[in-house]
PDB file of all heavy atoms in Angstrom:
ATOM      1  N   ILE A   1     147.961 181.095  45.436  1.00  0.00           N
ATOM      2  CA  ILE A   1     147.658 182.105  46.448  1.00  0.00           C
ATOM      3  C   ILE A   1     146.142 182.378  46.520  1.00  0.00           C
ATOM      4  O   ILE A   1     145.713 183.414  47.012  1.00  0.00           O
ATOM      5  CB  ILE A   1     148.402 183.406  46.158  1.00  0.00           C
ATOM      6  CG1 ILE A   1     148.045 183.946  44.765  1.00  0.00           C
ATOM      7  CG2 ILE A   1     149.889 183.247  46.332  1.00  0.00           C
ATOM      8  CD1 ILE A   1     148.646 185.294  44.457  1.00  0.00           C
ATOM      9  N   ASP A   2     145.350 181.398  46.087  1.00  0.00           N
ATOM     10  CA  ASP A   2     143.904 181.581  46.141  1.00  0.00           C
ATOM     11  C   ASP A   2     143.409 181.184  47.557  1.00  0.00           C
ATOM     12  O   ASP A   2     144.175 181.194  48.532  1.00  0.00           O
ATOM     13  CB  ASP A   2     143.255 180.703  45.090  1.00  0.00           C
ATOM     14  CG  ASP A   2     141.845 181.189  44.726  1.00  0.00           C
ATOM     15  OD1 ASP A   2     141.413 182.197  45.308  1.00  0.00           O
ATOM     16  OD2 ASP A   2     141.198 180.552  43.865  1.00  0.00           O
ATOM     17  N   GLU A   3     142.156 180.874  47.699  1.00  0.00           N
ATOM     18  CA  GLU A   3     141.605 180.488  49.007  1.00  0.00           C
ATOM     19  C   GLU A   3     142.048 179.119  49.449  1.00  0.00           C
ATOM     20  O   GLU A   3     142.024 178.799  50.643  1.00  0.00           O
ATOM     21  CB  GLU A   3     140.069 180.542  48.935  1.00  0.00           C
ATOM     22  CG  GLU A   3     139.469 181.938  48.940  1.00  0.00           C
ATOM     23  CD  GLU A   3     139.756 182.682  50.215  1.00  0.00           C
ATOM     24  OE1 GLU A   3     139.641 182.090  51.315  1.00  0.00           O
ATOM     25  OE2 GLU A   3     140.126 183.864  50.116  1.00  0.00           O
ATOM     26  N   THR A   4     142.452 178.273  48.495  1.00  0.00           N
ATOM     27  CA  THR A   4     142.821 176.889  48.840  1.00  0.00           C
ATOM     28  C   THR A   4     143.955 176.815  49.851  1.00  0.00           C
ATOM     29  O   THR A   4     143.844 176.071  50.846  1.00  0.00           O
ATOM     30  CB  THR A   4     143.172 176.113  47.573  1.00  0.00           C
ATOM     31  OG1 THR A   4     142.064 176.125  46.683  1.00  0.00           O
ATOM     32  CG2 THR A   4     143.521 174.669  47.919  1.00  0.00           C
ATOM     33  N   PRO A   5     145.085 177.528  49.682  1.00  0.00           N
ATOM     34  CA  PRO A   5     146.142 177.408  50.700  1.00  0.00           C
ATOM     35  C   PRO A   5     145.759 177.929  52.071  1.00  0.00           C
ATOM     36  O   PRO A   5     146.214 177.405  53.085  1.00  0.00           O
ATOM     37  CB  PRO A   5     147.285 178.223  50.101  1.00  0.00           C
ATOM     38  CG  PRO A   5     146.665 179.134  49.126  1.00  0.00           C
ATOM     39  CD  PRO A   5     145.499 178.389  48.583  1.00  0.00           C
ATOM     40  N   LYS A   6     144.890 178.937  52.127  1.00  0.00           N
ATOM     41  CA  LYS A   6     144.436 179.444  53.416  1.00  0.00           C
ATOM     42  C   LYS A   6     143.653 178.387  54.180  1.00  0.00           C
ATOM     43  O   LYS A   6     143.889 178.112  55.358  1.00  0.00           O
ATOM     44  CB  LYS A   6     143.594 180.700  53.229  1.00  0.00           C
ATOM     45  CG  LYS A   6     144.291 181.832  52.468  1.00  0.00           C
ATOM     46  CD  LYS A   6     143.338 182.999  52.245  1.00  0.00           C
ATOM     47  CE  LYS A   6     143.962 184.087  51.410  1.00  0.00           C
ATOM     48  NZ  LYS A   6     144.305 183.695  50.059  1.00  0.00           N
ATOM     49  N   ILE A   7     142.683 177.786  53.478  1.00  0.00           N
ATOM     50  CA  ILE A   7     141.853 176.759  54.096  1.00  0.00           C
ATOM     51  C   ILE A   7     142.693 175.520  54.432  1.00  0.00           C
ATOM     52  O   ILE A   7     142.508 174.887  55.486  1.00  0.00           O
ATOM     53  CB  ILE A   7     140.651 176.407  53.193  1.00  0.00           C
ATOM     54  CG1 ILE A   7     139.748 177.621  53.044  1.00  0.00           C
ATOM     55  CG2 ILE A   7     139.890 175.226  53.740  1.00  0.00           C
ATOM     56  CD1 ILE A   7     138.589 177.421  52.103  1.00  0.00           C
ATOM     57  N   LEU A   8     143.619 175.160  53.539  1.00  0.00           N
ATOM     58  CA  LEU A   8     144.451 173.978  53.771  1.00  0.00           C
ATOM     59  C   LEU A   8     145.349 174.170  55.001  1.00  0.00           C
ATOM     60  O   LEU A   8     145.547 173.228  55.792  1.00  0.00           O
ATOM     61  CB  LEU A   8     145.310 173.701  52.547  1.00  0.00           C
ATOM     62  CG  LEU A   8     146.215 172.481  52.629  1.00  0.00           C
ATOM     63  CD1 LEU A   8     145.413 171.212  52.863  1.00  0.00           C
ATOM     64  CD2 LEU A   8     147.046 172.355  51.362  1.00  0.00           C
ATOM     65  N   LEU A   9     145.878 175.356  55.208  1.00  0.00           N
ATOM     66  CA  LEU A   9     146.741 175.599  56.360  1.00  0.00           C
ATOM     67  C   LEU A   9     145.972 175.460  57.646  1.00  0.00           C
ATOM     68  O   LEU A   9     146.438 174.849  58.624  1.00  0.00           O
ATOM     69  CB  LEU A   9     147.348 177.014  56.242  1.00  0.00           C
ATOM     70  CG  LEU A   9     148.541 177.290  57.161  1.00  0.00           C
ATOM     71  CD1 LEU A   9     149.725 176.434  56.790  1.00  0.00           C
ATOM     72  CD2 LEU A   9     148.894 178.784  57.111  1.00  0.00           C
ATOM     73  N   ILE A  10     144.740 176.004  57.685  1.00  0.00           N
ATOM     74  CA  ILE A  10     143.905 175.861  58.885  1.00  0.00           C
ATOM     75  C   ILE A  10     143.462 174.419  59.041  1.00  0.00           C
ATOM     76  O   ILE A  10     143.385 173.885  60.157  1.00  0.00           O
ATOM     77  CB  ILE A  10     142.713 176.813  58.794  1.00  0.00           C
ATOM     78  CG1 ILE A  10     143.200 178.262  58.644  1.00  0.00           C
ATOM     79  CG2 ILE A  10     141.838 176.680  60.027  1.00  0.00           C
ATOM     80  CD1 ILE A  10     142.075 179.270  58.427  1.00  0.00           C
ATOM     81  N   PHE A  11     143.188 173.758  57.934  1.00  0.00           N
ATOM     82  CA  PHE A  11     142.815 172.343  57.946  1.00  0.00           C
ATOM     83  C   PHE A  11     143.906 171.488  58.617  1.00  0.00           C
ATOM     84  O   PHE A  11     143.614 170.645  59.473  1.00  0.00           O
ATOM     85  CB  PHE A  11     142.541 171.866  56.535  1.00  0.00           C
ATOM     86  CG  PHE A  11     142.364 170.367  56.395  1.00  0.00           C
ATOM     87  CD1 PHE A  11     141.115 169.796  56.543  1.00  0.00           C
ATOM     88  CD2 PHE A  11     143.457 169.568  56.102  1.00  0.00           C
ATOM     89  CE1 PHE A  11     140.963 168.415  56.421  1.00  0.00           C
ATOM     90  CE2 PHE A  11     143.306 168.185  55.967  1.00  0.00           C
ATOM     91  CZ  PHE A  11     142.047 167.609  56.122  1.00  0.00           C
ATOM     92  N   LEU A  12     145.135 171.731  58.263  1.00  0.00           N
ATOM     93  CA  LEU A  12     146.230 170.930  58.816  1.00  0.00           C
ATOM     94  C   LEU A  12     146.413 171.219  60.307  1.00  0.00           C
ATOM     95  O   LEU A  12     146.773 170.325  61.072  1.00  0.00           O
ATOM     96  CB  LEU A  12     147.528 171.224  58.062  1.00  0.00           C
ATOM     97  CG  LEU A  12     147.575 170.723  56.618  1.00  0.00           C
ATOM     98  CD1 LEU A  12     148.869 171.177  55.942  1.00  0.00           C
ATOM     99  CD2 LEU A  12     147.471 169.186  56.569  1.00  0.00           C
ATOM    100  N   SER A  13     146.170 172.452  60.740  1.00  0.00           N
ATOM    101  CA  SER A  13     146.310 172.764  62.163  1.00  0.00           C
ATOM    102  C   SER A  13     145.205 172.120  62.983  1.00  0.00           C
ATOM    103  O   SER A  13     145.409 171.819  64.159  1.00  0.00           O
ATOM    104  CB  SER A  13     146.295 174.294  62.358  1.00  0.00           C
ATOM    105  OG  SER A  13     145.049 174.823  62.009  1.00  0.00           O
ATOM    106  N   CYS A  14     144.027 171.908  62.396  1.00  0.00           N
ATOM    107  CA  CYS A  14     142.916 171.280  63.111  1.00  0.00           C
ATOM    108  C   CYS A  14     142.960 169.750  62.995  1.00  0.00           C
ATOM    109  O   CYS A  14     142.388 169.045  63.861  1.00  0.00           O
ATOM    110  CB  CYS A  14     141.573 171.760  62.575  1.00  0.00           C
ATOM    111  SG  CYS A  14     141.263 173.521  62.753  1.00  0.00           S
ATOM    112  N   PHE A  15     143.621 169.213  61.995  1.00  0.00           N
ATOM    113  CA  PHE A  15     143.536 167.776  61.686  1.00  0.00           C
ATOM    114  C   PHE A  15     144.189 166.944  62.770  1.00  0.00           C
ATOM    115  O   PHE A  15     143.589 165.977  63.283  1.00  0.00           O
ATOM    116  CB  PHE A  15     144.201 167.508  60.335  1.00  0.00           C
ATOM    117  CG  PHE A  15     144.135 166.071  59.911  1.00  0.00           C
ATOM    118  CD1 PHE A  15     143.025 165.592  59.216  1.00  0.00           C
ATOM    119  CD2 PHE A  15     145.170 165.199  60.193  1.00  0.00           C
ATOM    120  CE1 PHE A  15     142.954 164.267  58.835  1.00  0.00           C
ATOM    121  CE2 PHE A  15     145.112 163.881  59.807  1.00  0.00           C
ATOM    122  CZ  PHE A  15     144.017 163.393  59.130  1.00  0.00           C
ATOM    123  N   ALA A  16     145.420 167.264  63.177  1.00  0.00           N
ATOM    124  CA  ALA A  16     146.154 166.432  64.126  1.00  0.00           C
ATOM    125  C   ALA A  16     145.454 166.323  65.489  1.00  0.00           C
ATOM    126  O   ALA A  16     145.322 165.221  66.018  1.00  0.00           O
ATOM    127  CB  ALA A  16     147.561 166.941  64.265  1.00  0.00           C
ATOM    128  N   PRO A  17     145.010 167.429  66.112  1.00  0.00           N
ATOM    129  CA  PRO A  17     144.317 167.269  67.413  1.00  0.00           C
ATOM    130  C   PRO A  17     143.057 166.404  67.318  1.00  0.00           C
ATOM    131  O   PRO A  17     142.779 165.620  68.236  1.00  0.00           O
ATOM    132  CB  PRO A  17     143.984 168.708  67.807  1.00  0.00           C
ATOM    133  CG  PRO A  17     144.919 169.558  67.053  1.00  0.00           C
ATOM    134  CD  PRO A  17     145.170 168.846  65.769  1.00  0.00           C
ATOM    135  N   LEU A  18     142.300 166.554  66.249  1.00  0.00           N
ATOM    136  CA  LEU A  18     141.089 165.743  66.088  1.00  0.00           C
ATOM    137  C   LEU A  18     141.415 164.250  65.933  1.00  0.00           C
ATOM    138  O   LEU A  18     140.781 163.405  66.574  1.00  0.00           O
ATOM    139  CB  LEU A  18     140.290 166.248  64.894  1.00  0.00           C
ATOM    140  CG  LEU A  18     139.576 167.580  65.065  1.00  0.00           C
ATOM    141  CD1 LEU A  18     139.036 168.084  63.728  1.00  0.00           C
ATOM    142  CD2 LEU A  18     138.438 167.492  66.072  1.00  0.00           C
ATOM    143  N   ALA A  19     142.402 163.944  65.113  1.00  0.00           N
ATOM    144  CA  ALA A  19     142.749 162.543  64.864  1.00  0.00           C
ATOM    145  C   ALA A  19     143.303 161.889  66.128  1.00  0.00           C
ATOM    146  O   ALA A  19     142.927 160.768  66.490  1.00  0.00           O
ATOM    147  CB  ALA A  19     143.740 162.449  63.709  1.00  0.00           C
ATOM    148  N   LEU A  20     144.192 162.580  66.810  1.00  0.00           N
ATOM    149  CA  LEU A  20     144.795 161.996  68.028  1.00  0.00           C
ATOM    150  C   LEU A  20     143.778 161.885  69.155  1.00  0.00           C
ATOM    151  O   LEU A  20     143.842 160.939  69.940  1.00  0.00           O
ATOM    152  CB  LEU A  20     145.984 162.860  68.461  1.00  0.00           C
ATOM    153  CG  LEU A  20     147.167 162.902  67.462  1.00  0.00           C
ATOM    154  CD1 LEU A  20     148.289 163.769  67.998  1.00  0.00           C
ATOM    155  CD2 LEU A  20     147.667 161.494  67.160  1.00  0.00           C
ATOM    156  N   ALA A  21     142.859 162.825  69.256  1.00  0.00           N
ATOM    157  CA  ALA A  21     141.819 162.740  70.308  1.00  0.00           C
ATOM    158  C   ALA A  21     140.886 161.551  70.044  1.00  0.00           C
ATOM    159  O   ALA A  21     140.503 160.818  70.968  1.00  0.00           O
ATOM    160  CB  ALA A  21     141.054 164.035  70.369  1.00  0.00           C
ATOM    161  N   ALA A  22     140.524 161.355  68.765  1.00  0.00           N
ATOM    162  CA  ALA A  22     139.663 160.202  68.445  1.00  0.00           C
ATOM    163  C   ALA A  22     140.388 158.904  68.697  1.00  0.00           C
ATOM    164  O   ALA A  22     139.800 157.942  69.201  1.00  0.00           O
ATOM    165  CB  ALA A  22     139.203 160.321  66.986  1.00  0.00           C
ATOM    166  N   ARG A  23     141.670 158.847  68.353  1.00  0.00           N
ATOM    167  CA  ARG A  23     142.439 157.612  68.571  1.00  0.00           C
ATOM    168  C   ARG A  23     142.548 157.308  70.060  1.00  0.00           C
ATOM    169  O   ARG A  23     142.396 156.173  70.529  1.00  0.00           O
ATOM    170  CB  ARG A  23     143.824 157.727  67.960  1.00  0.00           C
ATOM    171  CG  ARG A  23     144.625 156.445  68.035  1.00  0.00           C
ATOM    172  CD  ARG A  23     146.068 156.661  67.637  1.00  0.00           C
ATOM    173  NE  ARG A  23     146.776 157.459  68.652  1.00  0.00           N
ATOM    174  CZ  ARG A  23     148.096 157.699  68.588  1.00  0.00           C
ATOM    175  NH1 ARG A  23     148.804 157.263  67.566  1.00  0.00           N
ATOM    176  NH2 ARG A  23     148.655 158.414  69.524  1.00  0.00           N
ATOM    177  N   SER A  24     142.819 158.356  70.881  1.00  0.00           N
ATOM    178  CA  SER A  24     142.910 158.149  72.320  1.00  0.00           C
ATOM    179  C   SER A  24     141.584 157.790  72.937  1.00  0.00           C
ATOM    180  O   SER A  24     141.517 156.966  73.874  1.00  0.00           O
ATOM    181  CB  SER A  24     143.468 159.433  72.964  1.00  0.00           C
ATOM    182  OG  SER A  24     143.474 159.309  74.370  1.00  0.00           O
ATOM    183  N   GLY A  25     140.503 158.362  72.429  1.00  0.00           N
ATOM    184  CA  GLY A  25     139.188 158.070  72.978  1.00  0.00           C
ATOM    185  C   GLY A  25     138.728 156.656  72.744  1.00  0.00           C
ATOM    186  O   GLY A  25     137.889 156.125  73.487  1.00  0.00           O
ATOM    187  N   MET A  26     139.221 155.997  71.711  1.00  0.00           N
ATOM    188  CA  MET A  26     138.789 154.637  71.410  1.00  0.00           C
ATOM    189  C   MET A  26     139.223 153.662  72.482  1.00  0.00           C
ATOM    190  O   MET A  26     138.727 152.519  72.520  1.00  0.00           O
ATOM    191  CB  MET A  26     139.347 154.199  70.037  1.00  0.00           C
ATOM    192  CG  MET A  26     138.821 155.025  68.874  1.00  0.00           C
ATOM    193  SD  MET A  26     137.018 155.038  68.779  1.00  0.00           S
ATOM    194  CE  MET A  26     136.709 153.374  68.230  1.00  0.00           C
ATOM    195  N   ARG A  27     140.143 154.043  73.345  1.00  0.00           N
ATOM    196  CA  ARG A  27     140.568 153.170  74.438  1.00  0.00           C
ATOM    197  C   ARG A  27     139.873 153.492  75.744  1.00  0.00           C
ATOM    198  O   ARG A  27     140.300 153.001  76.815  1.00  0.00           O
ATOM    199  CB  ARG A  27     142.097 153.282  74.605  1.00  0.00           C
ATOM    200  CG  ARG A  27     142.886 152.858  73.361  1.00  0.00           C
ATOM    201  CD  ARG A  27     144.369 152.948  73.579  1.00  0.00           C
ATOM    202  NE  ARG A  27     145.107 152.523  72.403  1.00  0.00           N
ATOM    203  CZ  ARG A  27     145.418 151.265  72.099  1.00  0.00           C
ATOM    204  NH1 ARG A  27     145.055 150.288  72.901  1.00  0.00           N
ATOM    205  NH2 ARG A  27     146.089 151.001  71.010  1.00  0.00           N
ATOM    206  N   SER A  28     138.872 154.357  75.703  1.00  0.00           N
ATOM    207  CA  SER A  28     138.190 154.758  76.947  1.00  0.00           C
ATOM    208  C   SER A  28     137.167 153.746  77.416  1.00  0.00           C
ATOM    209  O   SER A  28     136.804 153.743  78.596  1.00  0.00           O
ATOM    210  CB  SER A  28     137.512 156.125  76.727  1.00  0.00           C
ATOM    211  OG  SER A  28     138.463 157.124  76.407  1.00  0.00           O
ATOM    212  N   ALA A  29     136.649 152.935  76.526  1.00  0.00           N
ATOM    213  CA  ALA A  29     135.652 151.943  76.907  1.00  0.00           C
ATOM    214  C   ALA A  29     136.311 150.840  77.758  1.00  0.00           C
ATOM    215  O   ALA A  29     137.378 150.339  77.426  1.00  0.00           O
ATOM    216  CB  ALA A  29     134.985 151.343  75.702  1.00  0.00           C
ATOM    217  N   ALA A  30     135.681 150.491  78.862  1.00  0.00           N
ATOM    218  CA  ALA A  30     136.195 149.427  79.722  1.00  0.00           C
ATOM    219  C   ALA A  30     136.016 148.080  79.046  1.00  0.00           C
ATOM    220  O   ALA A  30     135.058 147.852  78.288  1.00  0.00           O
ATOM    221  CB  ALA A  30     135.488 149.447  81.064  1.00  0.00           C
ATOM    222  N   GLN A  31     136.948 147.174  79.334  1.00  0.00           N
ATOM    223  CA  GLN A  31     136.879 145.847  78.731  1.00  0.00           C
ATOM    224  C   GLN A  31     135.644 145.089  79.234  1.00  0.00           C
ATOM    225  O   GLN A  31     135.067 144.268  78.468  1.00  0.00           O
ATOM    226  CB  GLN A  31     138.140 145.058  79.102  1.00  0.00           C
ATOM    227  CG  GLN A  31     138.280 143.723  78.367  1.00  0.00           C
ATOM    228  CD  GLN A  31     138.398 143.918  76.856  1.00  0.00           C
ATOM    229  OE1 GLN A  31     139.054 144.858  76.396  1.00  0.00           O
ATOM    230  NE2 GLN A  31     137.762 143.051  76.085  1.00  0.00           N
ATOM    231  N   GLU A  32     135.154 145.388  80.435  1.00  0.00           N
ATOM    232  CA  GLU A  32     133.956 144.744  80.936  1.00  0.00           C
ATOM    233  C   GLU A  32     132.742 145.151  80.117  1.00  0.00           C
ATOM    234  O   GLU A  32     131.852 144.317  79.821  1.00  0.00           O
ATOM    235  CB  GLU A  32     133.719 145.093  82.409  1.00  0.00           C
ATOM    236  CG  GLU A  32     134.731 144.524  83.375  1.00  0.00           C
ATOM    237  CD  GLU A  32     136.033 145.315  83.385  1.00  0.00           C
ATOM    238  OE1 GLU A  32     136.064 146.361  82.720  1.00  0.00           O
ATOM    239  OE2 GLU A  32     136.991 144.854  84.043  1.00  0.00           O
ATOM    240  N   GLN A  33     132.674 146.414  79.693  1.00  0.00           N
ATOM    241  CA  GLN A  33     131.571 146.869  78.859  1.00  0.00           C
ATOM    242  C   GLN A  33     131.588 146.153  77.493  1.00  0.00           C
ATOM    243  O   GLN A  33     130.551 145.726  76.975  1.00  0.00           O
ATOM    244  CB  GLN A  33     131.642 148.370  78.667  1.00  0.00           C
ATOM    245  CG  GLN A  33     131.430 149.181  79.944  1.00  0.00           C
ATOM    246  CD  GLN A  33     131.642 150.654  79.709  1.00  0.00           C
ATOM    247  OE1 GLN A  33     132.547 151.071  78.960  1.00  0.00           O
ATOM    248  NE2 GLN A  33     130.804 151.474  80.339  1.00  0.00           N
ATOM    249  N   ILE A  34     132.783 146.027  76.921  1.00  0.00           N
ATOM    250  CA  ILE A  34     132.902 145.347  75.622  1.00  0.00           C
ATOM    251  C   ILE A  34     132.503 143.870  75.722  1.00  0.00           C
ATOM    252  O   ILE A  34     131.757 143.340  74.915  1.00  0.00           O
ATOM    253  CB  ILE A  34     134.341 145.506  75.087  1.00  0.00           C
ATOM    254  CG1 ILE A  34     134.674 146.992  74.883  1.00  0.00           C
ATOM    255  CG2 ILE A  34     134.521 144.729  73.803  1.00  0.00           C
ATOM    256  CD1 ILE A  34     136.094 147.255  74.461  1.00  0.00           C
ATOM    257  N   ASN A  35     132.988 143.207  76.794  1.00  0.00           N
ATOM    258  CA  ASN A  35     132.649 141.786  76.978  1.00  0.00           C
ATOM    259  C   ASN A  35     131.157 141.613  77.235  1.00  0.00           C
ATOM    260  O   ASN A  35     130.537 140.649  76.774  1.00  0.00           O
ATOM    261  CB  ASN A  35     133.456 141.206  78.126  1.00  0.00           C
ATOM    262  CG  ASN A  35     134.947 141.156  77.816  1.00  0.00           C
ATOM    263  OD1 ASN A  35     135.319 141.106  76.634  1.00  0.00           O
ATOM    264  ND2 ASN A  35     135.769 141.150  78.833  1.00  0.00           N
ATOM    265  N   ALA A  36     130.564 142.554  77.977  1.00  0.00           N
ATOM    266  CA  ALA A  36     129.134 142.470  78.233  1.00  0.00           C
ATOM    267  C   ALA A  36     128.319 142.607  76.967  1.00  0.00           C
ATOM    268  O   ALA A  36     127.331 141.898  76.749  1.00  0.00           O
ATOM    269  CB  ALA A  36     128.713 143.547  79.246  1.00  0.00           C
ATOM    270  N   ALA A  37     128.767 143.517  76.082  1.00  0.00           N
ATOM    271  CA  ALA A  37     128.064 143.673  74.817  1.00  0.00           C
ATOM    272  C   ALA A  37     128.197 142.415  73.947  1.00  0.00           C
ATOM    273  O   ALA A  37     127.219 141.977  73.321  1.00  0.00           O
ATOM    274  CB  ALA A  37     128.602 144.886  74.071  1.00  0.00           C
ATOM    275  N   TYR A  38     129.387 141.821  73.929  1.00  0.00           N
ATOM    276  CA  TYR A  38     129.562 140.591  73.178  1.00  0.00           C
ATOM    277  C   TYR A  38     128.715 139.450  73.754  1.00  0.00           C
ATOM    278  O   TYR A  38     128.156 138.610  73.008  1.00  0.00           O
ATOM    279  CB  TYR A  38     131.040 140.171  73.160  1.00  0.00           C
ATOM    280  CG  TYR A  38     131.858 140.897  72.133  1.00  0.00           C
ATOM    281  CD1 TYR A  38     133.085 141.506  72.484  1.00  0.00           C
ATOM    282  CD2 TYR A  38     131.468 140.966  70.795  1.00  0.00           C
ATOM    283  CE1 TYR A  38     133.845 142.174  71.555  1.00  0.00           C
ATOM    284  CE2 TYR A  38     132.220 141.626  69.854  1.00  0.00           C
ATOM    285  CZ  TYR A  38     133.426 142.240  70.235  1.00  0.00           C
ATOM    286  OH  TYR A  38     134.196 142.896  69.303  1.00  0.00           O
ATOM    287  N   SER A  39     128.618 139.382  75.075  1.00  0.00           N
ATOM    288  CA  SER A  39     127.872 138.315  75.710  1.00  0.00           C
ATOM    289  C   SER A  39     126.362 138.417  75.429  1.00  0.00           C
ATOM    290  O   SER A  39     125.646 137.425  75.481  1.00  0.00           O
ATOM    291  CB  SER A  39     128.079 138.326  77.221  1.00  0.00           C
ATOM    292  OG  SER A  39     127.578 139.509  77.797  1.00  0.00           O
ATOM    293  N   MET A  40     125.911 139.639  75.112  1.00  0.00           N
ATOM    294  CA  MET A  40     124.497 139.824  74.780  1.00  0.00           C
ATOM    295  C   MET A  40     124.230 139.694  73.266  1.00  0.00           C
ATOM    296  O   MET A  40     123.146 140.014  72.806  1.00  0.00           O
ATOM    297  CB  MET A  40     124.021 141.176  75.273  1.00  0.00           C
ATOM    298  CG  MET A  40     123.890 141.257  76.781  1.00  0.00           C
ATOM    299  SD  MET A  40     123.165 142.808  77.406  1.00  0.00           S
ATOM    300  CE  MET A  40     124.473 143.962  76.992  1.00  0.00           C
ATOM    301  N   GLY A  41     125.245 139.228  72.533  1.00  0.00           N
ATOM    302  CA  GLY A  41     125.037 138.952  71.131  1.00  0.00           C
ATOM    303  C   GLY A  41     125.376 140.072  70.181  1.00  0.00           C
ATOM    304  O   GLY A  41     125.013 139.989  69.005  1.00  0.00           O
ATOM    305  N   ALA A  42     126.042 141.125  70.637  1.00  0.00           N
ATOM    306  CA  ALA A  42     126.399 142.215  69.765  1.00  0.00           C
ATOM    307  C   ALA A  42     127.517 141.819  68.803  1.00  0.00           C
ATOM    308  O   ALA A  42     128.411 141.034  69.163  1.00  0.00           O
ATOM    309  CB  ALA A  42     126.838 143.428  70.574  1.00  0.00           C
ATOM    310  N   SER A  43     127.415 142.334  67.601  1.00  0.00           N
ATOM    311  CA  SER A  43     128.479 142.079  66.625  1.00  0.00           C
ATOM    312  C   SER A  43     129.640 143.061  66.835  1.00  0.00           C
ATOM    313  O   SER A  43     129.591 143.958  67.684  1.00  0.00           O
ATOM    314  CB  SER A  43     127.940 142.229  65.214  1.00  0.00           C
ATOM    315  OG  SER A  43     127.507 143.569  64.961  1.00  0.00           O
TER     316      SER A  43
END
């Protein structure tokens, strides 16, 4: 019943929206942009 469960509960409520938003955002780049970067020698 110390501070750890309080912070952990809020942590879990914030964790899922952040992870799912980052996962969804990784598909926002157009394939043409990715191919153009590869064609210019990007790793």
